[in-house]
PDB file of N, CA and C in Angstrom:
ATOM      1  N   MET A   1       6.050 -13.430 -13.952  1.00  0.00           N
ATOM      2  CA  MET A   1       5.621 -14.696 -13.245  1.00  0.00           C
ATOM      3  C   MET A   1       5.115 -14.577 -11.956  1.00  0.00           C
ATOM      4  N   ARG A   2       4.021 -15.170 -11.549  1.00  0.00           N
ATOM      5  CA  ARG A   2       3.454 -14.837 -10.220  1.00  0.00           C
ATOM      6  C   ARG A   2       4.004 -15.936  -9.243  1.00  0.00           C
ATOM      7  N   SER A   3       4.144 -15.658  -7.899  1.00  0.00           N
ATOM      8  CA  SER A   3       4.680 -16.672  -7.079  1.00  0.00           C
ATOM      9  C   SER A   3       3.539 -17.552  -6.616  1.00  0.00           C
ATOM     10  N   PHE A   4       2.267 -17.016  -6.582  1.00  0.00           N
ATOM     11  CA  PHE A   4       1.133 -17.849  -6.190  1.00  0.00           C
ATOM     12  C   PHE A   4      -0.137 -17.220  -6.706  1.00  0.00           C
ATOM     13  N   ASP A   5      -1.196 -17.962  -6.876  1.00  0.00           N
ATOM     14  CA  ASP A   5      -2.453 -17.374  -7.476  1.00  0.00           C
ATOM     15  C   ASP A   5      -3.108 -16.663  -6.256  1.00  0.00           C
ATOM     16  N   GLY A   6      -3.702 -15.482  -6.744  1.00  0.00           N
ATOM     17  CA  GLY A   6      -4.606 -14.645  -5.746  1.00  0.00           C
ATOM     18  C   GLY A   6      -3.596 -13.603  -5.050  1.00  0.00           C
ATOM     19  N   GLN A   7      -2.376 -13.501  -5.375  1.00  0.00           N
ATOM     20  CA  GLN A   7      -1.629 -12.525  -4.728  1.00  0.00           C
ATOM     21  C   GLN A   7      -2.196 -11.115  -4.932  1.00  0.00           C
ATOM     22  N   PHE A   8      -1.653 -10.158  -4.122  1.00  0.00           N
ATOM     23  CA  PHE A   8      -2.252  -8.929  -4.040  1.00  0.00           C
ATOM     24  C   PHE A   8      -2.252  -8.158  -5.429  1.00  0.00           C
ATOM     25  N   SER A   9      -1.119  -8.353  -6.308  1.00  0.00           N
ATOM     26  CA  SER A   9      -0.899  -7.649  -7.497  1.00  0.00           C
ATOM     27  C   SER A   9      -1.763  -8.263  -8.620  1.00  0.00           C
ATOM     28  N   ASP A  10      -2.541  -9.401  -8.459  1.00  0.00           N
ATOM     29  CA  ASP A  10      -3.349  -9.849  -9.555  1.00  0.00           C
ATOM     30  C   ASP A  10      -4.352  -8.971  -9.966  1.00  0.00           C
ATOM     31  N   ASN A  11      -4.468  -8.763 -11.329  1.00  0.00           N
ATOM     32  CA  ASN A  11      -5.605  -7.943 -11.855  1.00  0.00           C
ATOM     33  C   ASN A  11      -5.871  -6.583 -11.237  1.00  0.00           C
ATOM     34  N   ARG A  12      -4.859  -5.974 -10.817  1.00  0.00           N
ATOM     35  CA  ARG A  12      -5.093  -4.603 -10.163  1.00  0.00           C
ATOM     36  C   ARG A  12      -4.192  -3.522 -10.980  1.00  0.00           C
ATOM     37  N   PRO A  13      -4.761  -2.417 -11.318  1.00  0.00           N
ATOM     38  CA  PRO A  13      -3.902  -1.405 -11.799  1.00  0.00           C
ATOM     39  C   PRO A  13      -2.878  -0.737 -11.024  1.00  0.00           C
ATOM     40  N   LEU A  14      -1.764  -0.436 -11.548  1.00  0.00           N
ATOM     41  CA  LEU A  14      -0.672   0.161 -10.868  1.00  0.00           C
ATOM     42  C   LEU A  14      -1.108   1.575 -10.377  1.00  0.00           C
ATOM     43  N   LYS A  15      -0.831   1.867  -9.164  1.00  0.00           N
ATOM     44  CA  LYS A  15      -1.041   3.308  -8.572  1.00  0.00           C
ATOM     45  C   LYS A  15       0.290   4.027  -8.720  1.00  0.00           C
ATOM     46  N   ARG A  16       0.278   5.083  -9.525  1.00  0.00           N
ATOM     47  CA  ARG A  16       1.461   5.831  -9.524  1.00  0.00           C
ATOM     48  C   ARG A  16       1.220   7.268  -8.983  1.00  0.00           C
ATOM     49  N   THR A  17       2.230   7.872  -8.277  1.00  0.00           N
ATOM     50  CA  THR A  17       2.044   9.259  -7.914  1.00  0.00           C
ATOM     51  C   THR A  17       2.237  10.150  -9.093  1.00  0.00           C
ATOM     52  N   ARG A  18       1.863  11.339  -8.993  1.00  0.00           N
ATOM     53  CA  ARG A  18       1.986  12.393  -9.988  1.00  0.00           C
ATOM     54  C   ARG A  18       3.422  12.462 -10.552  1.00  0.00           C
ATOM     55  N   GLU A  19       4.372  12.506  -9.559  1.00  0.00           N
ATOM     56  CA  GLU A  19       5.745  12.622  -9.958  1.00  0.00           C
ATOM     57  C   GLU A  19       6.272  11.357 -10.664  1.00  0.00           C
ATOM     58  N   GLU A  20       5.781  10.183 -10.413  1.00  0.00           N
ATOM     59  CA  GLU A  20       6.090   8.973 -11.132  1.00  0.00           C
ATOM     60  C   GLU A  20       5.519   9.091 -12.589  1.00  0.00           C
ATOM     61  N   LYS A  21       4.358   9.590 -12.675  1.00  0.00           N
ATOM     62  CA  LYS A  21       3.791   9.804 -14.047  1.00  0.00           C
ATOM     63  C   LYS A  21       4.482  10.773 -14.927  1.00  0.00           C
ATOM     64  N   VAL A  22       4.919  11.845 -14.246  1.00  0.00           N
ATOM     65  CA  VAL A  22       5.650  12.882 -15.052  1.00  0.00           C
ATOM     66  C   VAL A  22       7.008  12.242 -15.469  1.00  0.00           C
ATOM     67  N   ARG A  23       7.666  11.495 -14.642  1.00  0.00           N
ATOM     68  CA  ARG A  23       9.003  10.849 -15.070  1.00  0.00           C
ATOM     69  C   ARG A  23       8.684   9.825 -16.070  1.00  0.00           C
ATOM     70  N   LEU A  24       7.676   9.067 -16.006  1.00  0.00           N
ATOM     71  CA  LEU A  24       7.271   7.980 -16.971  1.00  0.00           C
ATOM     72  C   LEU A  24       6.948   8.710 -18.349  1.00  0.00           C
ATOM     73  N   LEU A  25       6.409   9.729 -18.353  1.00  0.00           N
ATOM     74  CA  LEU A  25       6.036  10.487 -19.555  1.00  0.00           C
ATOM     75  C   LEU A  25       7.270  10.954 -20.210  1.00  0.00           C
ATOM     76  N   ALA A  26       8.273  11.490 -19.514  1.00  0.00           N
ATOM     77  CA  ALA A  26       9.409  12.005 -20.018  1.00  0.00           C
ATOM     78  C   ALA A  26      10.280  10.830 -20.597  1.00  0.00           C
ATOM     79  N   GLU A  27      10.311   9.717 -19.933  1.00  0.00           N
ATOM     80  CA  GLU A  27      10.928   8.437 -20.405  1.00  0.00           C
ATOM     81  C   GLU A  27      10.334   7.957 -21.702  1.00  0.00           C
ATOM     82  N   LEU A  28       8.986   8.003 -21.820  1.00  0.00           N
ATOM     83  CA  LEU A  28       8.278   7.551 -23.030  1.00  0.00           C
ATOM     84  C   LEU A  28       8.592   8.455 -24.193  1.00  0.00           C
ATOM     85  N   LYS A  29       8.587   9.783 -23.949  1.00  0.00           N
ATOM     86  CA  LYS A  29       8.824  10.695 -24.948  1.00  0.00           C
ATOM     87  C   LYS A  29      10.314  10.497 -25.488  1.00  0.00           C
ATOM     88  N   GLU A  30      11.228  10.311 -24.639  1.00  0.00           N
ATOM     89  CA  GLU A  30      12.640  10.028 -25.024  1.00  0.00           C
ATOM     90  C   GLU A  30      12.738   8.649 -25.713  1.00  0.00           C
ATOM     91  N   THR A  31      12.062   7.605 -25.392  1.00  0.00           N
ATOM     92  CA  THR A  31      11.998   6.446 -26.103  1.00  0.00           C
ATOM     93  C   THR A  31      11.528   6.569 -27.535  1.00  0.00           C
ATOM     94  N   VAL A  32      10.440   7.413 -27.688  1.00  0.00           N
ATOM     95  CA  VAL A  32       9.975   7.658 -29.140  1.00  0.00           C
ATOM     96  C   VAL A  32      10.947   8.429 -29.891  1.00  0.00           C
ATOM     97  N   ARG A  33      11.592   9.378 -29.162  1.00  0.00           N
ATOM     98  CA  ARG A  33      12.504  10.193 -29.957  1.00  0.00           C
ATOM     99  C   ARG A  33      13.767   9.415 -30.435  1.00  0.00           C
ATOM    100  N   THR A  34      14.241   8.392 -29.717  1.00  0.00           N
ATOM    101  CA  THR A  34      15.432   7.716 -30.060  1.00  0.00           C
ATOM    102  C   THR A  34      15.115   6.344 -30.735  1.00  0.00           C
ATOM    103  N   MET A  35      13.855   6.135 -31.201  1.00  0.00           N
ATOM    104  CA  MET A  35      13.552   4.917 -31.767  1.00  0.00           C
ATOM    105  C   MET A  35      14.253   4.874 -33.278  1.00  0.00           C
ATOM    106  N   LYS A  36      14.577   3.716 -33.688  1.00  0.00           N
ATOM    107  CA  LYS A  36      15.113   3.588 -35.002  1.00  0.00           C
ATOM    108  C   LYS A  36      13.899   3.634 -36.012  1.00  0.00           C
ATOM    109  N   GLN A  37      14.282   3.844 -37.353  1.00  0.00           N
ATOM    110  CA  GLN A  37      13.360   3.793 -38.337  1.00  0.00           C
ATOM    111  C   GLN A  37      12.743   2.431 -38.571  1.00  0.00           C
ATOM    112  N   HIS A  38      13.340   1.458 -38.181  1.00  0.00           N
ATOM    113  CA  HIS A  38      12.888  -0.042 -38.494  1.00  0.00           C
ATOM    114  C   HIS A  38      12.085  -0.495 -37.413  1.00  0.00           C
ATOM    115  N   THR A  39      11.734   0.314 -36.242  1.00  0.00           N
ATOM    116  CA  THR A  39      10.979  -0.106 -35.199  1.00  0.00           C
ATOM    117  C   THR A  39       9.437  -0.450 -35.658  1.00  0.00           C
ATOM    118  N   SER A  40       8.933  -1.394 -35.167  1.00  0.00           N
ATOM    119  CA  SER A  40       7.537  -1.837 -35.702  1.00  0.00           C
ATOM    120  C   SER A  40       6.642  -0.704 -35.376  1.00  0.00           C
ATOM    121  N   PRO A  41       5.646  -0.535 -36.419  1.00  0.00           N
ATOM    122  CA  PRO A  41       4.631   0.465 -36.234  1.00  0.00           C
ATOM    123  C   PRO A  41       3.724   0.308 -34.971  1.00  0.00           C
ATOM    124  N   GLU A  42       3.521  -1.051 -34.689  1.00  0.00           N
ATOM    125  CA  GLU A  42       2.581  -1.392 -33.547  1.00  0.00           C
ATOM    126  C   GLU A  42       3.200  -0.891 -32.278  1.00  0.00           C
ATOM    127  N   LEU A  43       4.495  -0.932 -32.105  1.00  0.00           N
ATOM    128  CA  LEU A  43       5.220  -0.401 -30.934  1.00  0.00           C
ATOM    129  C   LEU A  43       4.979   1.013 -30.812  1.00  0.00           C
ATOM    130  N   ARG A  44       5.309   1.741 -32.029  1.00  0.00           N
ATOM    131  CA  ARG A  44       5.177   3.125 -31.979  1.00  0.00           C
ATOM    132  C   ARG A  44       3.760   3.641 -31.610  1.00  0.00           C
ATOM    133  N   VAL A  45       2.781   2.905 -32.202  1.00  0.00           N
ATOM    134  CA  VAL A  45       1.419   3.288 -31.725  1.00  0.00           C
ATOM    135  C   VAL A  45       1.108   3.001 -30.268  1.00  0.00           C
ATOM    136  N   SER A  46       1.530   1.867 -29.821  1.00  0.00           N
ATOM    137  CA  SER A  46       1.369   1.580 -28.412  1.00  0.00           C
ATOM    138  C   SER A  46       1.934   2.667 -27.498  1.00  0.00           C
ATOM    139  N   ILE A  47       3.273   3.074 -27.736  1.00  0.00           N
ATOM    140  CA  ILE A  47       3.827   4.077 -26.937  1.00  0.00           C
ATOM    141  C   ILE A  47       3.237   5.343 -27.012  1.00  0.00           C
ATOM    142  N   ALA A  48       2.686   5.782 -28.238  1.00  0.00           N
ATOM    143  CA  ALA A  48       2.071   6.934 -28.448  1.00  0.00           C
ATOM    144  C   ALA A  48       0.741   6.909 -27.704  1.00  0.00           C
ATOM    145  N   ALA A  49      -0.044   5.925 -27.615  1.00  0.00           N
ATOM    146  CA  ALA A  49      -1.206   5.750 -26.983  1.00  0.00           C
ATOM    147  C   ALA A  49      -0.982   5.926 -25.406  1.00  0.00           C
ATOM    148  N   LYS A  50       0.033   5.373 -24.967  1.00  0.00           N
ATOM    149  CA  LYS A  50       0.389   5.449 -23.480  1.00  0.00           C
ATOM    150  C   LYS A  50       0.781   6.985 -23.210  1.00  0.00           C
ATOM    151  N   ILE A  51       1.527   7.627 -24.094  1.00  0.00           N
ATOM    152  CA  ILE A  51       1.839   8.995 -23.933  1.00  0.00           C
ATOM    153  C   ILE A  51       0.620   9.844 -23.839  1.00  0.00           C
ATOM    154  N   LYS A  52      -0.363   9.641 -24.784  1.00  0.00           N
ATOM    155  CA  LYS A  52      -1.540  10.487 -24.691  1.00  0.00           C
ATOM    156  C   LYS A  52      -2.413  10.125 -23.452  1.00  0.00           C
ATOM    157  N   GLU A  53      -2.459   8.855 -23.072  1.00  0.00           N
ATOM    158  CA  GLU A  53      -3.145   8.561 -21.831  1.00  0.00           C
ATOM    159  C   GLU A  53      -2.498   9.245 -20.640  1.00  0.00           C
ATOM    160  N   LEU A  54      -1.153   9.381 -20.424  1.00  0.00           N
ATOM    161  CA  LEU A  54      -0.513   9.985 -19.303  1.00  0.00           C
ATOM    162  C   LEU A  54      -0.732  11.427 -19.403  1.00  0.00           C
ATOM    163  N   GLU A  55      -0.650  12.065 -20.578  1.00  0.00           N
ATOM    164  CA  GLU A  55      -0.875  13.414 -20.779  1.00  0.00           C
ATOM    165  C   GLU A  55      -2.235  13.815 -20.364  1.00  0.00           C
ATOM    166  N   ALA A  56      -3.181  13.058 -20.722  1.00  0.00           N
ATOM    167  CA  ALA A  56      -4.631  13.362 -20.261  1.00  0.00           C
ATOM    168  C   ALA A  56      -4.873  13.163 -18.793  1.00  0.00           C
ATOM    169  N   ASP A  57      -4.128  12.120 -18.212  1.00  0.00           N
ATOM    170  CA  ASP A  57      -4.147  12.084 -16.765  1.00  0.00           C
ATOM    171  C   ASP A  57      -3.544  13.176 -16.042  1.00  0.00           C
ATOM    172  N   LEU A  58      -2.353  13.638 -16.549  1.00  0.00           N
ATOM    173  CA  LEU A  58      -1.733  14.778 -15.875  1.00  0.00           C
ATOM    174  C   LEU A  58      -2.464  16.031 -16.057  1.00  0.00           C
ATOM    175  N   ALA A  59      -3.309  16.261 -17.173  1.00  0.00           N
ATOM    176  CA  ALA A  59      -3.948  17.479 -17.390  1.00  0.00           C
ATOM    177  C   ALA A  59      -5.224  17.566 -16.585  1.00  0.00           C
ATOM    178  N   ALA A  60      -5.754  16.477 -15.973  1.00  0.00           N
ATOM    179  CA  ALA A  60      -6.847  16.525 -15.195  1.00  0.00           C
ATOM    180  C   ALA A  60      -6.453  16.936 -13.789  1.00  0.00           C
ATOM    181  N   PRO A  61      -7.370  17.632 -13.046  1.00  0.00           N
ATOM    182  CA  PRO A  61      -6.948  18.131 -11.741  1.00  0.00           C
ATOM    183  C   PRO A  61      -6.772  16.913 -10.813  1.00  0.00           C
ATOM    184  N   PRO A  62      -5.888  17.170  -9.861  1.00  0.00           N
ATOM    185  CA  PRO A  62      -5.615  15.995  -8.901  1.00  0.00           C
ATOM    186  C   PRO A  62      -6.886  15.798  -8.116  1.00  0.00           C
ATOM    187  N   PRO A  63      -6.976  14.630  -7.627  1.00  0.00           N
ATOM    188  CA  PRO A  63      -8.227  14.338  -6.749  1.00  0.00           C
ATOM    189  C   PRO A  63      -7.992  14.995  -5.352  1.00  0.00           C
ATOM    190  N   PRO A  64      -9.230  15.309  -4.733  1.00  0.00           N
ATOM    191  CA  PRO A  64      -9.056  15.894  -3.333  1.00  0.00           C
ATOM    192  C   PRO A  64      -8.413  14.902  -2.395  1.00  0.00           C
ATOM    193  N   PRO A  65      -7.631  15.436  -1.461  1.00  0.00           N
ATOM    194  CA  PRO A  65      -7.086  14.513  -0.350  1.00  0.00           C
ATOM    195  C   PRO A  65      -8.214  13.810   0.320  1.00  0.00           C
ATOM    196  N   ARG A  66      -7.955  12.497   0.726  1.00  0.00           N
ATOM    197  CA  ARG A  66      -8.987  11.801   1.323  1.00  0.00           C
ATOM    198  C   ARG A  66      -8.761  11.957   2.875  1.00  0.00           C
ATOM    199  N   GLU A  67      -9.847  12.030   3.506  1.00  0.00           N
ATOM    200  CA  GLU A  67      -9.717  12.148   4.943  1.00  0.00           C
ATOM    201  C   GLU A  67      -9.319  10.788   5.619  1.00  0.00           C
ATOM    202  N   ARG A  68      -8.348  10.768   6.323  1.00  0.00           N
ATOM    203  CA  ARG A  68      -7.907   9.528   6.952  1.00  0.00           C
ATOM    204  C   ARG A  68      -8.690   8.942   8.129  1.00  0.00           C
ATOM    205  N   ARG A  69      -9.255   9.921   8.922  1.00  0.00           N
ATOM    206  CA  ARG A  69      -9.858   9.607   9.986  1.00  0.00           C
ATOM    207  C   ARG A  69     -11.444   9.515   9.817  1.00  0.00           C
ATOM    208  N   LEU A  70     -12.153   8.643  10.472  1.00  0.00           N
ATOM    209  CA  LEU A  70     -13.633   8.697  10.357  1.00  0.00           C
ATOM    210  C   LEU A  70     -14.191   9.687  11.277  1.00  0.00           C
ATOM    211  N   PRO A  71     -15.405  10.265  10.940  1.00  0.00           N
ATOM    212  CA  PRO A  71     -16.081  11.105  11.814  1.00  0.00           C
ATOM    213  C   PRO A  71     -16.321  10.434  13.196  1.00  0.00           C
ATOM    214  N   SER A  72     -16.263  11.194  14.301  1.00  0.00           N
ATOM    215  CA  SER A  72     -16.233  10.728  15.691  1.00  0.00           C
ATOM    216  C   SER A  72     -17.468   9.789  15.930  1.00  0.00           C
ATOM    217  N   HIS A  73     -18.656  10.036  15.268  1.00  0.00           N
ATOM    218  CA  HIS A  73     -19.878   9.137  15.455  1.00  0.00           C
ATOM    219  C   HIS A  73     -19.625   7.785  14.836  1.00  0.00           C
ATOM    220  N   GLN A  74     -18.742   7.644  13.783  1.00  0.00           N
ATOM    221  CA  GLN A  74     -18.519   6.323  13.199  1.00  0.00           C
ATOM    222  C   GLN A  74     -17.463   5.589  13.971  1.00  0.00           C
ATOM    223  N   GLN A  75     -16.567   6.264  14.674  1.00  0.00           N
ATOM    224  CA  GLN A  75     -15.487   5.384  15.256  1.00  0.00           C
ATOM    225  C   GLN A  75     -15.982   4.490  16.278  1.00  0.00           C
ATOM    226  N   ASP A  76     -17.027   4.865  17.014  1.00  0.00           N
ATOM    227  CA  ASP A  76     -17.660   3.951  18.228  1.00  0.00           C
ATOM    228  C   ASP A  76     -18.153   2.690  17.621  1.00  0.00           C
ATOM    229  N   GLN A  77     -18.522   2.613  16.263  1.00  0.00           N
ATOM    230  CA  GLN A  77     -19.049   1.510  15.675  1.00  0.00           C
ATOM    231  C   GLN A  77     -18.002   0.369  15.550  1.00  0.00           C
ATOM    232  N   PHE A  78     -16.781   0.620  15.470  1.00  0.00           N
ATOM    233  CA  PHE A  78     -15.789  -0.355  14.986  1.00  0.00           C
ATOM    234  C   PHE A  78     -14.858  -0.834  16.199  1.00  0.00           C
ATOM    235  N   GLY A  79     -15.262  -0.578  17.404  1.00  0.00           N
ATOM    236  CA  GLY A  79     -14.480  -1.135  18.448  1.00  0.00           C
ATOM    237  C   GLY A  79     -14.400   0.057  19.604  1.00  0.00           C
ATOM    238  N   THR A  80     -13.608  -0.304  20.560  1.00  0.00           N
ATOM    239  CA  THR A  80     -13.482   0.561  21.738  1.00  0.00           C
ATOM    240  C   THR A  80     -12.562   1.741  21.357  1.00  0.00           C
ATOM    241  N   GLY A  81     -11.677   1.638  20.490  1.00  0.00           N
ATOM    242  CA  GLY A  81     -10.752   2.750  20.155  1.00  0.00           C
ATOM    243  C   GLY A  81      -9.567   2.676  20.874  1.00  0.00           C
ATOM    244  N   GLY A  82      -9.453   1.783  21.866  1.00  0.00           N
ATOM    245  CA  GLY A  82      -8.154   1.684  22.731  1.00  0.00           C
ATOM    246  C   GLY A  82      -7.280   0.769  22.034  1.00  0.00           C
ATOM    247  N   PRO A  83      -5.979   0.679  22.627  1.00  0.00           N
ATOM    248  CA  PRO A  83      -5.048  -0.248  22.021  1.00  0.00           C
ATOM    249  C   PRO A  83      -5.373  -1.739  22.129  1.00  0.00           C
ATOM    250  N   ARG A  84      -4.974  -2.505  21.203  1.00  0.00           N
ATOM    251  CA  ARG A  84      -5.205  -3.928  21.182  1.00  0.00           C
ATOM    252  C   ARG A  84      -4.339  -4.576  22.247  1.00  0.00           C
ATOM    253  N   THR A  85      -4.794  -5.685  22.636  1.00  0.00           N
ATOM    254  CA  THR A  85      -4.003  -6.631  23.583  1.00  0.00           C
ATOM    255  C   THR A  85      -2.903  -7.226  22.679  1.00  0.00           C
ATOM    256  N   PRO A  86      -1.701  -7.442  23.171  1.00  0.00           N
ATOM    257  CA  PRO A  86      -0.631  -8.138  22.515  1.00  0.00           C
ATOM    258  C   PRO A  86      -1.112  -9.589  22.206  1.00  0.00           C
ATOM    259  N   ARG A  87      -0.560 -10.084  21.145  1.00  0.00           N
ATOM    260  CA  ARG A  87      -0.780 -11.590  20.841  1.00  0.00           C
ATOM    261  C   ARG A  87       0.293 -12.357  21.691  1.00  0.00           C
ATOM    262  N   LYS A  88      -0.185 -13.637  21.706  1.00  0.00           N
ATOM    263  CA  LYS A  88       0.693 -14.630  22.597  1.00  0.00           C
ATOM    264  C   LYS A  88       2.033 -14.728  21.585  1.00  0.00           C
ATOM    265  N   PRO A  89       3.184 -14.877  22.238  1.00  0.00           N
ATOM    266  CA  PRO A  89       4.407 -15.262  21.388  1.00  0.00           C
ATOM    267  C   PRO A  89       4.400 -16.613  20.750  1.00  0.00           C
ATOM    268  N   ARG A  90       4.868 -16.690  19.602  1.00  0.00           N
ATOM    269  CA  ARG A  90       4.844 -17.894  18.734  1.00  0.00           C
ATOM    270  C   ARG A  90       6.044 -18.824  19.415  1.00  0.00           C
ATOM    271  N   PRO A  91       5.751 -20.130  19.385  1.00  0.00           N
ATOM    272  CA  PRO A  91       6.854 -21.038  19.724  1.00  0.00           C
ATOM    273  C   PRO A  91       7.914 -21.029  18.723  1.00  0.00           C
ATOM    274  N   PRO A  92       9.149 -21.430  19.178  1.00  0.00           N
ATOM    275  CA  PRO A  92      10.305 -21.267  18.352  1.00  0.00           C
ATOM    276  C   PRO A  92      10.230 -22.242  17.190  1.00  0.00           C
ATOM    277  N   ARG A  93      10.666 -22.013  16.152  1.00  0.00           N
ATOM    278  CA  ARG A  93      10.736 -22.922  14.877  1.00  0.00           C
ATOM    279  C   ARG A  93      11.647 -24.092  15.073  1.00  0.00           C
ATOM    280  N   GLU A  94      11.371 -25.202  14.568  1.00  0.00           N
ATOM    281  CA  GLU A  94      12.227 -26.239  14.687  1.00  0.00           C
ATOM    282  C   GLU A  94      13.174 -26.130  13.337  1.00  0.00           C
ATOM    283  N   THR A  95      14.420 -26.355  13.480  1.00  0.00           N
ATOM    284  CA  THR A  95      15.316 -26.430  12.309  1.00  0.00           C
ATOM    285  C   THR A  95      15.761 -27.806  12.064  1.00  0.00           C
ATOM    286  N   PHE A  96      15.835 -27.993  10.771  1.00  0.00           N
ATOM    287  CA  PHE A  96      16.172 -29.387  10.249  1.00  0.00           C
ATOM    288  C   PHE A  96      17.639 -29.452  10.046  1.00  0.00           C
TER     289      PHE A  96
END
């Protein structure tokens, strides 16, 4: 359930690290291994598809690291580069 419309997590894929993906893959394989015979075929197919997706994702080479800093010629376009001035303090809240 969402706390409000338009929050950050709406309609965005989860970003997982490689270690999280390896752990999730191991958990899913363990889940398939311990399933009872009367488990629905749709659930089995769904988990098997997720396992294949994770295996394919882990088999792909990791993306190259992104450069955090902009080139020096682009830094001048976005401001002076110096520290920002502090904001005014907020007035105290009223309690009821």
